[in-house]
Amino acid sequence: RALAALAAIAFALPCGAGAATLDAFVRNPAGQAVADAAVVLEPLTPVALRGKPTAAIEQRGREFIPYLTVVQAGTAVDFPNNDTIRHHVYSFSPAKQFEIKLYAGKPGQPILFDKPGTVVIGCNIHDWMEAYVLVVETPWFAKTGADGHAQLRNVPPGRYRLRLWHPLQKTQVPLREIEVADSQAPLRLALDVKPREHKPHTEDADHY
């Protein structure tokens, strides 16, 4: 059944640093930590995305790791296969459609995620394998870990749209404008998250 996850978000501006640090703590109604929740700050005025960031989503134990990856648009993502069997990685999502046919080890070229949106990753051989990439047009984002904590650093003071997202959220959380400053009261959000299903592995696909 759906769980209501509560996020307590507090801001702190280090003295003289000129940039804020955003700490987000995501919990379910039972007070347990919620992992893999994306916390994103979208500036009201678009900013230029600098650099050529990279990321990696590996295949290990016939699973994608990590389950959720948050990247800024323009990030090149590698898909190393660290299993002893081959995988066939693909996505049909509008934000990024691609295919890496049966392979072992590291593919020759990373995949460029250049459009904002949600990308669902799958394996054509192992149907239970699934991962998500959230592509955003901002450099200020973070993902909660196993402890339910995410931290965004070096955020310039100003007004932002706060976005909270999870691959298994029941309903979309409306964007909310917030002010990042040197003093900020905790902000609490509600998020319905369905429990993640761990599908059984089938051995008949391991001859690849």
N, C-alpha and C. Protein backbone atom coordinates (compact mmCIF):
# COMPACT_ATOMS: atom_id res chain seq x y z
N ARG A 1 0.84 -1.19 0.00
CA ARG A 1 0.00 0.00 0.00
C ARG A 1 0.87 1.23 0.00
N ALA A 2 0.27 2.34 -0.34
CA ALA A 2 1.05 3.57 -0.46
C ALA A 2 1.48 4.06 0.91
N LEU A 3 2.67 4.64 0.94
CA LEU A 3 3.20 5.22 2.16
C LEU A 3 3.29 6.72 1.98
N ALA A 4 2.99 7.46 3.02
CA ALA A 4 3.11 8.92 2.96
C ALA A 4 4.47 9.28 3.53
N ALA A 5 5.34 9.80 2.72
CA ALA A 5 6.68 10.17 3.15
C ALA A 5 6.70 11.65 3.48
N LEU A 6 7.26 11.97 4.62
CA LEU A 6 7.35 13.36 5.05
C LEU A 6 8.78 13.83 4.91
N ALA A 7 8.98 14.97 4.30
CA ALA A 7 10.32 15.52 4.13
C ALA A 7 10.44 16.79 4.95
N ALA A 8 11.40 16.82 5.85
CA ALA A 8 11.69 18.03 6.62
C ALA A 8 12.93 18.65 6.02
N ILE A 9 12.83 19.87 5.53
CA ILE A 9 13.91 20.50 4.80
C ILE A 9 14.33 21.77 5.51
N ALA A 10 15.63 21.88 5.83
CA ALA A 10 16.14 23.04 6.55
C ALA A 10 17.30 23.64 5.78
N PHE A 11 17.43 24.97 5.84
CA PHE A 11 18.48 25.67 5.14
C PHE A 11 19.47 26.25 6.15
N ALA A 12 20.74 26.27 5.74
CA ALA A 12 21.75 26.93 6.56
C ALA A 12 22.75 27.60 5.64
N LEU A 13 23.09 28.83 5.94
CA LEU A 13 24.06 29.57 5.13
C LEU A 13 25.33 29.75 5.96
N PRO A 14 26.42 29.07 5.59
CA PRO A 14 27.66 29.22 6.34
C PRO A 14 28.11 30.68 6.34
N CYS A 15 28.62 31.12 7.48
CA CYS A 15 29.03 32.52 7.62
C CYS A 15 30.10 32.87 6.61
N GLY A 16 29.83 33.87 5.78
CA GLY A 16 30.81 34.33 4.82
C GLY A 16 30.93 33.47 3.58
N ALA A 17 30.18 32.40 3.48
CA ALA A 17 30.35 31.48 2.36
C ALA A 17 29.69 32.00 1.09
N GLY A 18 28.61 32.80 1.23
CA GLY A 18 27.92 33.33 0.08
C GLY A 18 27.07 32.33 -0.65
N ALA A 19 26.90 31.14 -0.11
CA ALA A 19 26.07 30.12 -0.73
C ALA A 19 25.47 29.26 0.38
N ALA A 20 24.25 28.78 0.14
CA ALA A 20 23.53 28.04 1.16
C ALA A 20 23.72 26.54 1.00
N THR A 21 23.48 25.82 2.08
CA THR A 21 23.44 24.36 2.08
C THR A 21 22.04 23.93 2.44
N LEU A 22 21.48 23.07 1.62
CA LEU A 22 20.12 22.57 1.83
C LEU A 22 20.19 21.14 2.31
N ASP A 23 19.65 20.89 3.50
CA ASP A 23 19.55 19.53 4.04
C ASP A 23 18.11 19.08 3.98
N ALA A 24 17.87 17.92 3.38
CA ALA A 24 16.52 17.36 3.29
C ALA A 24 16.50 16.00 3.98
N PHE A 25 15.46 15.80 4.80
CA PHE A 25 15.30 14.54 5.51
C PHE A 25 13.93 13.98 5.15
N VAL A 26 13.91 12.80 4.54
CA VAL A 26 12.66 12.22 4.07
C VAL A 26 12.32 11.00 4.92
N ARG A 27 11.13 11.01 5.47
CA ARG A 27 10.67 9.92 6.34
C ARG A 27 9.27 9.49 5.92
N ASN A 28 8.93 8.24 6.21
CA ASN A 28 7.56 7.78 6.01
C ASN A 28 6.76 8.00 7.29
N PRO A 29 5.47 7.73 7.29
CA PRO A 29 4.66 8.00 8.49
C PRO A 29 5.14 7.27 9.74
N ALA A 30 5.84 6.14 9.54
CA ALA A 30 6.35 5.40 10.69
C ALA A 30 7.68 5.96 11.19
N GLY A 31 8.16 7.01 10.54
CA GLY A 31 9.42 7.61 10.94
C GLY A 31 10.64 6.95 10.33
N GLN A 32 10.44 6.06 9.38
CA GLN A 32 11.55 5.37 8.74
C GLN A 32 12.09 6.18 7.57
N ALA A 33 13.38 6.07 7.32
CA ALA A 33 14.01 6.80 6.23
C ALA A 33 13.52 6.31 4.88
N VAL A 34 13.37 7.23 3.95
CA VAL A 34 12.97 6.91 2.58
C VAL A 34 14.13 7.23 1.65
N ALA A 35 14.64 6.21 0.98
CA ALA A 35 15.75 6.39 0.05
C ALA A 35 15.25 6.70 -1.35
N ASP A 36 16.15 7.20 -2.19
CA ASP A 36 15.89 7.42 -3.61
C ASP A 36 14.79 8.45 -3.88
N ALA A 37 14.76 9.49 -3.07
CA ALA A 37 13.89 10.64 -3.35
C ALA A 37 14.77 11.77 -3.88
N ALA A 38 14.38 12.34 -5.00
CA ALA A 38 15.15 13.44 -5.60
C ALA A 38 14.66 14.77 -5.07
N VAL A 39 15.58 15.61 -4.63
CA VAL A 39 15.28 16.97 -4.18
C VAL A 39 15.98 17.92 -5.15
N VAL A 40 15.19 18.75 -5.83
CA VAL A 40 15.72 19.59 -6.91
C VAL A 40 15.32 21.04 -6.67
N LEU A 41 16.27 21.94 -6.84
CA LEU A 41 16.01 23.38 -6.80
C LEU A 41 16.12 23.93 -8.21
N GLU A 42 15.01 24.47 -8.73
CA GLU A 42 14.99 25.04 -10.07
C GLU A 42 14.96 26.56 -9.95
N PRO A 43 15.98 27.25 -10.43
CA PRO A 43 15.99 28.73 -10.35
C PRO A 43 14.87 29.32 -11.19
N LEU A 44 14.29 30.41 -10.71
CA LEU A 44 13.20 31.05 -11.46
C LEU A 44 13.72 31.62 -12.78
N THR A 45 14.97 32.03 -12.80
CA THR A 45 15.62 32.49 -14.03
C THR A 45 16.59 31.41 -14.47
N PRO A 46 16.43 30.86 -15.67
CA PRO A 46 17.31 29.77 -16.12
C PRO A 46 18.78 30.16 -16.04
N VAL A 47 19.61 29.18 -15.69
CA VAL A 47 21.05 29.41 -15.60
C VAL A 47 21.76 28.54 -16.62
N ALA A 48 22.93 28.98 -17.04
CA ALA A 48 23.73 28.18 -17.97
C ALA A 48 24.31 26.98 -17.23
N LEU A 49 24.19 25.81 -17.85
CA LEU A 49 24.75 24.59 -17.27
C LEU A 49 26.17 24.43 -17.79
N ARG A 50 27.13 24.45 -16.87
CA ARG A 50 28.53 24.43 -17.27
C ARG A 50 29.12 23.02 -17.12
N GLY A 51 30.24 22.84 -17.80
CA GLY A 51 30.99 21.60 -17.67
C GLY A 51 30.41 20.46 -18.49
N LYS A 52 31.09 19.33 -18.39
CA LYS A 52 30.66 18.10 -19.06
C LYS A 52 30.59 16.99 -18.02
N PRO A 53 29.52 16.99 -17.22
CA PRO A 53 29.42 16.01 -16.13
C PRO A 53 29.27 14.59 -16.64
N THR A 54 29.67 13.64 -15.81
CA THR A 54 29.55 12.23 -16.13
C THR A 54 28.91 11.50 -14.97
N ALA A 55 28.36 10.33 -15.25
CA ALA A 55 27.76 9.48 -14.23
C ALA A 55 27.85 8.04 -14.70
N ALA A 56 27.53 7.11 -13.84
CA ALA A 56 27.59 5.70 -14.21
C ALA A 56 26.44 4.95 -13.55
N ILE A 57 25.85 4.03 -14.30
CA ILE A 57 24.84 3.10 -13.79
C ILE A 57 25.35 1.70 -14.13
N GLU A 58 25.75 0.97 -13.12
CA GLU A 58 26.34 -0.34 -13.38
C GLU A 58 25.30 -1.45 -13.30
N GLN A 59 25.65 -2.57 -13.88
CA GLN A 59 24.87 -3.78 -13.73
C GLN A 59 25.68 -4.73 -12.85
N ARG A 60 25.10 -5.08 -11.72
CA ARG A 60 25.78 -5.96 -10.77
C ARG A 60 24.74 -6.81 -10.06
N GLY A 61 24.98 -8.11 -10.01
CA GLY A 61 24.02 -9.02 -9.38
C GLY A 61 22.69 -9.05 -10.11
N ARG A 62 22.75 -8.80 -11.42
CA ARG A 62 21.56 -8.75 -12.28
C ARG A 62 20.57 -7.69 -11.81
N GLU A 63 21.13 -6.56 -11.40
CA GLU A 63 20.35 -5.38 -11.04
C GLU A 63 21.09 -4.14 -11.54
N PHE A 64 20.34 -3.06 -11.76
CA PHE A 64 20.96 -1.76 -12.03
C PHE A 64 21.28 -1.08 -10.71
N ILE A 65 22.46 -0.53 -10.61
CA ILE A 65 22.88 0.19 -9.42
C ILE A 65 23.53 1.50 -9.85
N PRO A 66 22.99 2.64 -9.40
CA PRO A 66 21.88 2.82 -8.46
C PRO A 66 20.51 2.70 -9.13
N TYR A 67 19.51 2.58 -8.28
CA TYR A 67 18.13 2.51 -8.76
C TYR A 67 17.69 3.83 -9.37
N LEU A 68 18.08 4.95 -8.75
CA LEU A 68 17.78 6.28 -9.27
C LEU A 68 19.06 7.07 -9.42
N THR A 69 19.21 7.73 -10.57
CA THR A 69 20.32 8.63 -10.82
C THR A 69 19.75 9.98 -11.24
N VAL A 70 20.19 11.05 -10.59
CA VAL A 70 19.75 12.40 -10.94
C VAL A 70 20.93 13.11 -11.60
N VAL A 71 20.70 13.66 -12.79
CA VAL A 71 21.78 14.32 -13.53
C VAL A 71 21.26 15.62 -14.13
N GLN A 72 22.16 16.56 -14.39
CA GLN A 72 21.78 17.75 -15.13
C GLN A 72 21.86 17.43 -16.61
N ALA A 73 21.05 18.13 -17.39
CA ALA A 73 21.06 17.92 -18.84
C ALA A 73 22.46 18.13 -19.39
N GLY A 74 22.86 17.23 -20.30
CA GLY A 74 24.20 17.29 -20.85
C GLY A 74 25.16 16.31 -20.21
N THR A 75 24.66 15.45 -19.32
CA THR A 75 25.52 14.48 -18.64
C THR A 75 25.69 13.22 -19.49
N ALA A 76 26.92 12.74 -19.58
CA ALA A 76 27.22 11.48 -20.27
C ALA A 76 27.23 10.35 -19.24
N VAL A 77 26.43 9.32 -19.46
CA VAL A 77 26.27 8.24 -18.50
C VAL A 77 26.85 6.95 -19.08
N ASP A 78 27.76 6.32 -18.33
CA ASP A 78 28.30 5.01 -18.68
C ASP A 78 27.43 3.91 -18.09
N PHE A 79 27.40 2.75 -18.74
CA PHE A 79 26.64 1.61 -18.27
C PHE A 79 27.55 0.38 -18.18
N PRO A 80 28.51 0.36 -17.25
CA PRO A 80 29.41 -0.78 -17.14
C PRO A 80 28.68 -2.04 -16.67
N ASN A 81 28.99 -3.14 -17.31
CA ASN A 81 28.41 -4.43 -16.94
C ASN A 81 29.43 -5.18 -16.10
N ASN A 82 29.19 -5.28 -14.81
CA ASN A 82 30.10 -5.96 -13.90
C ASN A 82 29.62 -7.36 -13.55
N ASP A 83 28.66 -7.86 -14.31
CA ASP A 83 28.22 -9.25 -14.15
C ASP A 83 29.06 -10.16 -15.06
N THR A 84 28.92 -11.45 -14.84
CA THR A 84 29.61 -12.43 -15.69
C THR A 84 28.76 -12.86 -16.86
N ILE A 85 27.57 -12.30 -16.99
CA ILE A 85 26.68 -12.54 -18.12
C ILE A 85 26.47 -11.23 -18.85
N ARG A 86 25.95 -11.31 -20.07
CA ARG A 86 25.73 -10.11 -20.87
C ARG A 86 24.36 -9.50 -20.59
N HIS A 87 24.26 -8.20 -20.83
CA HIS A 87 23.01 -7.47 -20.69
C HIS A 87 22.70 -6.71 -21.97
N HIS A 88 21.44 -6.34 -22.12
CA HIS A 88 20.97 -5.59 -23.28
C HIS A 88 20.17 -4.41 -22.74
N VAL A 89 20.83 -3.26 -22.62
CA VAL A 89 20.26 -2.10 -21.94
C VAL A 89 19.54 -1.21 -22.94
N TYR A 90 18.38 -0.69 -22.53
CA TYR A 90 17.61 0.14 -23.47
C TYR A 90 16.69 1.08 -22.70
N SER A 91 16.14 2.05 -23.43
CA SER A 91 15.07 2.91 -22.92
C SER A 91 14.21 3.37 -24.08
N PHE A 92 12.89 3.37 -23.87
CA PHE A 92 11.94 3.89 -24.84
C PHE A 92 11.36 5.23 -24.40
N SER A 93 11.90 5.81 -23.33
CA SER A 93 11.34 7.04 -22.77
C SER A 93 11.53 8.20 -23.75
N PRO A 94 10.54 9.09 -23.85
CA PRO A 94 10.65 10.24 -24.77
C PRO A 94 11.88 11.11 -24.50
N ALA A 95 12.27 11.25 -23.24
CA ALA A 95 13.42 12.11 -22.91
C ALA A 95 14.74 11.52 -23.41
N LYS A 96 14.79 10.20 -23.57
CA LYS A 96 16.00 9.57 -24.10
C LYS A 96 15.69 8.15 -24.55
N GLN A 97 15.80 7.91 -25.83
CA GLN A 97 15.64 6.57 -26.38
C GLN A 97 17.01 6.08 -26.85
N PHE A 98 17.39 4.90 -26.39
CA PHE A 98 18.69 4.35 -26.80
C PHE A 98 18.68 2.84 -26.60
N GLU A 99 19.71 2.21 -27.12
CA GLU A 99 19.85 0.76 -27.00
C GLU A 99 21.33 0.40 -27.01
N ILE A 100 21.74 -0.40 -26.04
CA ILE A 100 23.08 -0.98 -26.02
C ILE A 100 22.89 -2.49 -26.10
N LYS A 101 23.11 -3.05 -27.26
CA LYS A 101 22.82 -4.47 -27.46
C LYS A 101 23.76 -5.34 -26.64
N LEU A 102 23.45 -6.63 -26.61
CA LEU A 102 24.15 -7.58 -25.75
C LEU A 102 25.64 -7.28 -25.63
N TYR A 103 26.10 -7.07 -24.40
CA TYR A 103 27.50 -6.72 -24.20
C TYR A 103 27.95 -7.13 -22.81
N ALA A 104 29.25 -7.22 -22.67
CA ALA A 104 29.90 -7.44 -21.38
C ALA A 104 30.92 -6.34 -21.18
N GLY A 105 31.29 -6.11 -19.94
CA GLY A 105 32.29 -5.08 -19.67
C GLY A 105 31.73 -3.68 -19.85
N LYS A 106 32.54 -2.79 -20.40
CA LYS A 106 32.14 -1.39 -20.54
C LYS A 106 31.87 -1.07 -22.00
N PRO A 107 30.70 -0.49 -22.30
CA PRO A 107 30.41 -0.11 -23.70
C PRO A 107 31.43 0.92 -24.21
N GLY A 108 31.54 1.00 -25.52
CA GLY A 108 32.53 1.89 -26.10
C GLY A 108 32.27 3.36 -25.84
N GLN A 109 31.00 3.78 -25.86
CA GLN A 109 30.66 5.18 -25.70
C GLN A 109 29.58 5.35 -24.63
N PRO A 110 29.67 6.40 -23.81
CA PRO A 110 28.59 6.68 -22.86
C PRO A 110 27.36 7.22 -23.59
N ILE A 111 26.24 7.24 -22.91
CA ILE A 111 24.99 7.76 -23.46
C ILE A 111 24.81 9.19 -22.95
N LEU A 112 24.55 10.12 -23.87
CA LEU A 112 24.36 11.52 -23.50
C LEU A 112 22.89 11.79 -23.20
N PHE A 113 22.62 12.25 -21.99
CA PHE A 113 21.27 12.61 -21.57
C PHE A 113 21.16 14.14 -21.68
N ASP A 114 20.61 14.61 -22.80
CA ASP A 114 20.63 16.04 -23.10
C ASP A 114 19.27 16.71 -23.03
N LYS A 115 18.22 15.97 -22.68
CA LYS A 115 16.89 16.55 -22.58
C LYS A 115 16.32 16.31 -21.18
N PRO A 116 15.64 17.31 -20.60
CA PRO A 116 15.05 17.10 -19.28
C PRO A 116 13.91 16.12 -19.33
N GLY A 117 13.72 15.38 -18.23
CA GLY A 117 12.62 14.44 -18.16
C GLY A 117 13.02 13.20 -17.38
N THR A 118 12.11 12.26 -17.33
CA THR A 118 12.32 10.99 -16.63
C THR A 118 12.59 9.89 -17.64
N VAL A 119 13.65 9.15 -17.43
CA VAL A 119 14.04 8.06 -18.33
C VAL A 119 14.01 6.75 -17.55
N VAL A 120 13.25 5.80 -18.06
CA VAL A 120 13.18 4.47 -17.45
C VAL A 120 14.13 3.55 -18.22
N ILE A 121 15.03 2.89 -17.47
CA ILE A 121 16.03 2.01 -18.06
C ILE A 121 15.64 0.56 -17.80
N GLY A 122 15.79 -0.28 -18.82
CA GLY A 122 15.49 -1.70 -18.66
C GLY A 122 16.53 -2.57 -19.32
N CYS A 123 16.43 -3.87 -19.10
CA CYS A 123 17.28 -4.87 -19.75
C CYS A 123 16.37 -5.78 -20.55
N ASN A 124 16.68 -5.95 -21.83
CA ASN A 124 15.83 -6.74 -22.71
C ASN A 124 15.91 -8.23 -22.42
N ILE A 125 16.92 -8.64 -21.65
CA ILE A 125 17.10 -10.05 -21.32
C ILE A 125 16.53 -10.37 -19.94
N HIS A 126 16.77 -9.48 -19.01
CA HIS A 126 16.33 -9.69 -17.62
C HIS A 126 15.25 -8.68 -17.31
N ASP A 127 14.00 -9.10 -17.42
CA ASP A 127 12.86 -8.19 -17.37
C ASP A 127 12.70 -7.49 -16.02
N TRP A 128 13.22 -8.08 -14.96
CA TRP A 128 13.04 -7.48 -13.64
C TRP A 128 13.98 -6.30 -13.41
N MET A 129 15.00 -6.15 -14.23
CA MET A 129 15.97 -5.08 -14.03
C MET A 129 15.36 -3.75 -14.45
N GLU A 130 15.43 -2.76 -13.57
CA GLU A 130 14.84 -1.46 -13.85
C GLU A 130 15.58 -0.38 -13.08
N ALA A 131 15.79 0.75 -13.73
CA ALA A 131 16.41 1.91 -13.09
C ALA A 131 15.80 3.16 -13.68
N TYR A 132 16.02 4.29 -13.00
CA TYR A 132 15.47 5.57 -13.43
C TYR A 132 16.56 6.62 -13.49
N VAL A 133 16.46 7.49 -14.50
CA VAL A 133 17.32 8.67 -14.59
C VAL A 133 16.41 9.89 -14.64
N LEU A 134 16.59 10.80 -13.71
CA LEU A 134 15.87 12.06 -13.71
C LEU A 134 16.83 13.13 -14.22
N VAL A 135 16.51 13.69 -15.40
CA VAL A 135 17.36 14.70 -16.03
C VAL A 135 16.76 16.07 -15.75
N VAL A 136 17.55 16.95 -15.14
CA VAL A 136 17.04 18.26 -14.72
C VAL A 136 17.87 19.37 -15.36
N GLU A 137 17.29 20.56 -15.43
CA GLU A 137 17.98 21.72 -16.01
C GLU A 137 18.43 22.67 -14.90
N THR A 138 19.16 22.14 -13.97
CA THR A 138 19.69 22.91 -12.85
C THR A 138 20.88 22.14 -12.28
N PRO A 139 21.87 22.87 -11.74
CA PRO A 139 22.99 22.17 -11.09
C PRO A 139 22.75 21.87 -9.62
N TRP A 140 21.58 22.25 -9.09
CA TRP A 140 21.32 22.09 -7.65
C TRP A 140 20.29 20.99 -7.41
N PHE A 141 20.79 19.82 -7.09
CA PHE A 141 19.93 18.66 -6.84
C PHE A 141 20.68 17.66 -5.97
N ALA A 142 19.94 16.76 -5.38
CA ALA A 142 20.53 15.69 -4.59
C ALA A 142 19.51 14.56 -4.47
N LYS A 143 19.99 13.41 -4.02
CA LYS A 143 19.14 12.23 -3.85
C LYS A 143 19.33 11.70 -2.44
N THR A 144 18.23 11.30 -1.81
CA THR A 144 18.34 10.77 -0.46
C THR A 144 19.02 9.40 -0.48
N GLY A 145 19.84 9.18 0.53
CA GLY A 145 20.48 7.88 0.70
C GLY A 145 19.65 6.97 1.57
N ALA A 146 20.27 5.89 2.03
CA ALA A 146 19.56 4.92 2.85
C ALA A 146 19.06 5.54 4.16
N ASP A 147 19.73 6.62 4.60
CA ASP A 147 19.33 7.28 5.84
C ASP A 147 18.26 8.34 5.61
N GLY A 148 17.78 8.48 4.36
CA GLY A 148 16.74 9.45 4.07
C GLY A 148 17.23 10.89 3.99
N HIS A 149 18.54 11.09 3.94
CA HIS A 149 19.11 12.44 3.95
C HIS A 149 19.70 12.78 2.60
N ALA A 150 19.43 13.99 2.12
CA ALA A 150 20.05 14.54 0.92
C ALA A 150 20.55 15.93 1.24
N GLN A 151 21.66 16.31 0.62
CA GLN A 151 22.23 17.64 0.87
C GLN A 151 22.60 18.31 -0.45
N LEU A 152 22.12 19.53 -0.63
CA LEU A 152 22.47 20.36 -1.78
C LEU A 152 23.40 21.45 -1.30
N ARG A 153 24.56 21.57 -1.93
CA ARG A 153 25.57 22.52 -1.48
C ARG A 153 25.75 23.64 -2.48
N ASN A 154 26.31 24.73 -1.99
CA ASN A 154 26.69 25.88 -2.83
C ASN A 154 25.51 26.43 -3.64
N VAL A 155 24.39 26.60 -2.95
CA VAL A 155 23.19 27.15 -3.59
C VAL A 155 23.18 28.67 -3.37
N PRO A 156 23.23 29.47 -4.42
CA PRO A 156 23.18 30.93 -4.24
C PRO A 156 21.85 31.36 -3.63
N PRO A 157 21.84 32.30 -2.70
CA PRO A 157 20.59 32.79 -2.14
C PRO A 157 19.68 33.34 -3.23
N GLY A 158 18.39 33.15 -3.05
CA GLY A 158 17.42 33.63 -4.03
C GLY A 158 16.16 32.78 -4.01
N ARG A 159 15.31 32.98 -5.00
CA ARG A 159 14.05 32.25 -5.08
C ARG A 159 14.18 31.08 -6.05
N TYR A 160 13.58 29.95 -5.64
CA TYR A 160 13.65 28.73 -6.42
C TYR A 160 12.29 28.02 -6.41
N ARG A 161 12.13 27.14 -7.39
CA ARG A 161 11.03 26.17 -7.34
C ARG A 161 11.60 24.88 -6.76
N LEU A 162 10.97 24.40 -5.71
CA LEU A 162 11.41 23.17 -5.05
C LEU A 162 10.63 21.99 -5.62
N ARG A 163 11.35 21.00 -6.07
CA ARG A 163 10.74 19.81 -6.66
C ARG A 163 11.15 18.59 -5.85
N LEU A 164 10.18 17.79 -5.45
CA LEU A 164 10.42 16.54 -4.74
C LEU A 164 9.85 15.42 -5.59
N TRP A 165 10.67 14.41 -5.90
CA TRP A 165 10.25 13.36 -6.83
C TRP A 165 10.81 12.01 -6.42
N HIS A 166 9.99 10.99 -6.64
CA HIS A 166 10.41 9.60 -6.37
C HIS A 166 9.87 8.72 -7.48
N PRO A 167 10.64 7.71 -7.93
CA PRO A 167 10.16 6.86 -9.02
C PRO A 167 8.82 6.18 -8.72
N LEU A 168 8.53 5.94 -7.45
CA LEU A 168 7.31 5.22 -7.09
C LEU A 168 6.29 6.10 -6.39
N GLN A 169 6.36 7.41 -6.62
CA GLN A 169 5.38 8.30 -5.99
C GLN A 169 3.99 8.03 -6.58
N LYS A 170 3.01 8.14 -5.71
CA LYS A 170 1.64 7.84 -6.13
C LYS A 170 1.03 8.97 -6.94
N THR A 171 1.30 10.19 -6.53
CA THR A 171 0.81 11.37 -7.24
C THR A 171 1.95 12.36 -7.36
N GLN A 172 1.85 13.25 -8.33
CA GLN A 172 2.88 14.25 -8.54
C GLN A 172 2.77 15.36 -7.49
N VAL A 173 3.91 15.72 -6.93
CA VAL A 173 3.95 16.78 -5.93
C VAL A 173 4.04 18.12 -6.64
N PRO A 174 3.14 19.06 -6.36
CA PRO A 174 3.21 20.37 -7.02
C PRO A 174 4.51 21.09 -6.69
N LEU A 175 5.04 21.81 -7.68
CA LEU A 175 6.20 22.65 -7.43
C LEU A 175 5.84 23.76 -6.44
N ARG A 176 6.79 24.13 -5.63
CA ARG A 176 6.55 25.16 -4.63
C ARG A 176 7.71 26.16 -4.64
N GLU A 177 7.39 27.44 -4.68
CA GLU A 177 8.45 28.46 -4.64
C GLU A 177 8.93 28.65 -3.21
N ILE A 178 10.24 28.73 -3.07
CA ILE A 178 10.84 28.96 -1.76
C ILE A 178 11.95 30.00 -1.89
N GLU A 179 12.30 30.60 -0.80
CA GLU A 179 13.39 31.57 -0.73
C GLU A 179 14.55 30.94 0.01
N VAL A 180 15.70 30.86 -0.62
CA VAL A 180 16.91 30.37 0.03
C VAL A 180 17.64 31.59 0.58
N ALA A 181 17.82 31.61 1.89
CA ALA A 181 18.43 32.77 2.55
C ALA A 181 19.28 32.28 3.72
N ASP A 182 19.77 33.24 4.51
CA ASP A 182 20.64 32.87 5.62
C ASP A 182 19.86 32.34 6.82
N SER A 183 18.54 32.49 6.77
CA SER A 183 17.71 31.97 7.85
C SER A 183 16.42 31.45 7.26
N GLN A 184 16.14 30.19 7.48
CA GLN A 184 14.98 29.57 6.84
C GLN A 184 14.35 28.56 7.79
N ALA A 185 13.05 28.71 8.03
CA ALA A 185 12.34 27.74 8.87
C ALA A 185 12.22 26.42 8.11
N PRO A 186 12.18 25.29 8.81
CA PRO A 186 12.02 24.00 8.15
C PRO A 186 10.76 23.97 7.29
N LEU A 187 10.88 23.33 6.15
CA LEU A 187 9.76 23.19 5.22
C LEU A 187 9.37 21.73 5.15
N ARG A 188 8.08 21.44 5.32
CA ARG A 188 7.62 20.04 5.33
C ARG A 188 6.73 19.77 4.12
N LEU A 189 7.01 18.63 3.46
CA LEU A 189 6.28 18.23 2.27
C LEU A 189 5.69 16.84 2.46
N ALA A 190 4.63 16.56 1.72
CA ALA A 190 4.01 15.23 1.76
C ALA A 190 4.22 14.54 0.43
N LEU A 191 4.56 13.25 0.46
CA LEU A 191 4.80 12.48 -0.75
C LEU A 191 4.31 11.06 -0.56
N ASP A 192 3.41 10.60 -1.44
CA ASP A 192 2.92 9.22 -1.39
C ASP A 192 3.88 8.34 -2.20
N VAL A 193 4.44 7.33 -1.54
CA VAL A 193 5.40 6.44 -2.18
C VAL A 193 4.93 5.00 -2.02
N LYS A 194 4.82 4.30 -3.13
CA LYS A 194 4.47 2.89 -3.09
C LYS A 194 5.72 2.07 -2.76
N PRO A 195 5.57 0.98 -2.03
CA PRO A 195 6.75 0.15 -1.73
C PRO A 195 7.33 -0.45 -3.00
N ARG A 196 8.62 -0.52 -3.06
CA ARG A 196 9.30 -1.07 -4.23
C ARG A 196 9.17 -2.59 -4.24
N GLU A 197 8.76 -3.14 -5.37
CA GLU A 197 8.64 -4.58 -5.53
C GLU A 197 9.95 -5.15 -6.06
N HIS A 198 10.44 -6.18 -5.41
CA HIS A 198 11.63 -6.87 -5.88
C HIS A 198 11.19 -8.14 -6.61
N LYS A 199 11.23 -8.07 -7.94
CA LYS A 199 10.74 -9.19 -8.75
C LYS A 199 11.74 -10.34 -8.68
N PRO A 200 11.23 -11.56 -8.70
CA PRO A 200 12.14 -12.72 -8.63
C PRO A 200 13.00 -12.83 -9.89
N HIS A 201 14.24 -13.26 -9.71
CA HIS A 201 15.15 -13.48 -10.82
C HIS A 201 14.87 -14.85 -11.44
N THR A 202 14.98 -14.94 -12.74
CA THR A 202 14.79 -16.22 -13.43
C THR A 202 16.13 -16.69 -13.97
N GLU A 203 16.43 -17.97 -13.78
CA GLU A 203 17.72 -18.50 -14.17
C GLU A 203 17.83 -18.78 -15.66
N ASP A 204 16.70 -18.88 -16.36
CA ASP A 204 16.75 -19.25 -17.77
C ASP A 204 17.34 -18.15 -18.66
N ALA A 205 17.52 -16.95 -18.11
CA ALA A 205 18.10 -15.87 -18.90
C ALA A 205 19.60 -15.75 -18.71
N ASP A 206 20.19 -16.64 -17.93
CA ASP A 206 21.60 -16.49 -17.58
C ASP A 206 22.55 -17.10 -18.59
N HIS A 207 22.05 -17.71 -19.67
CA HIS A 207 22.95 -18.28 -20.66
C HIS A 207 23.49 -17.22 -21.61
N TYR A 208 23.05 -15.95 -21.44
CA TYR A 208 23.57 -14.88 -22.28
C TYR A 208 24.92 -14.41 -21.78
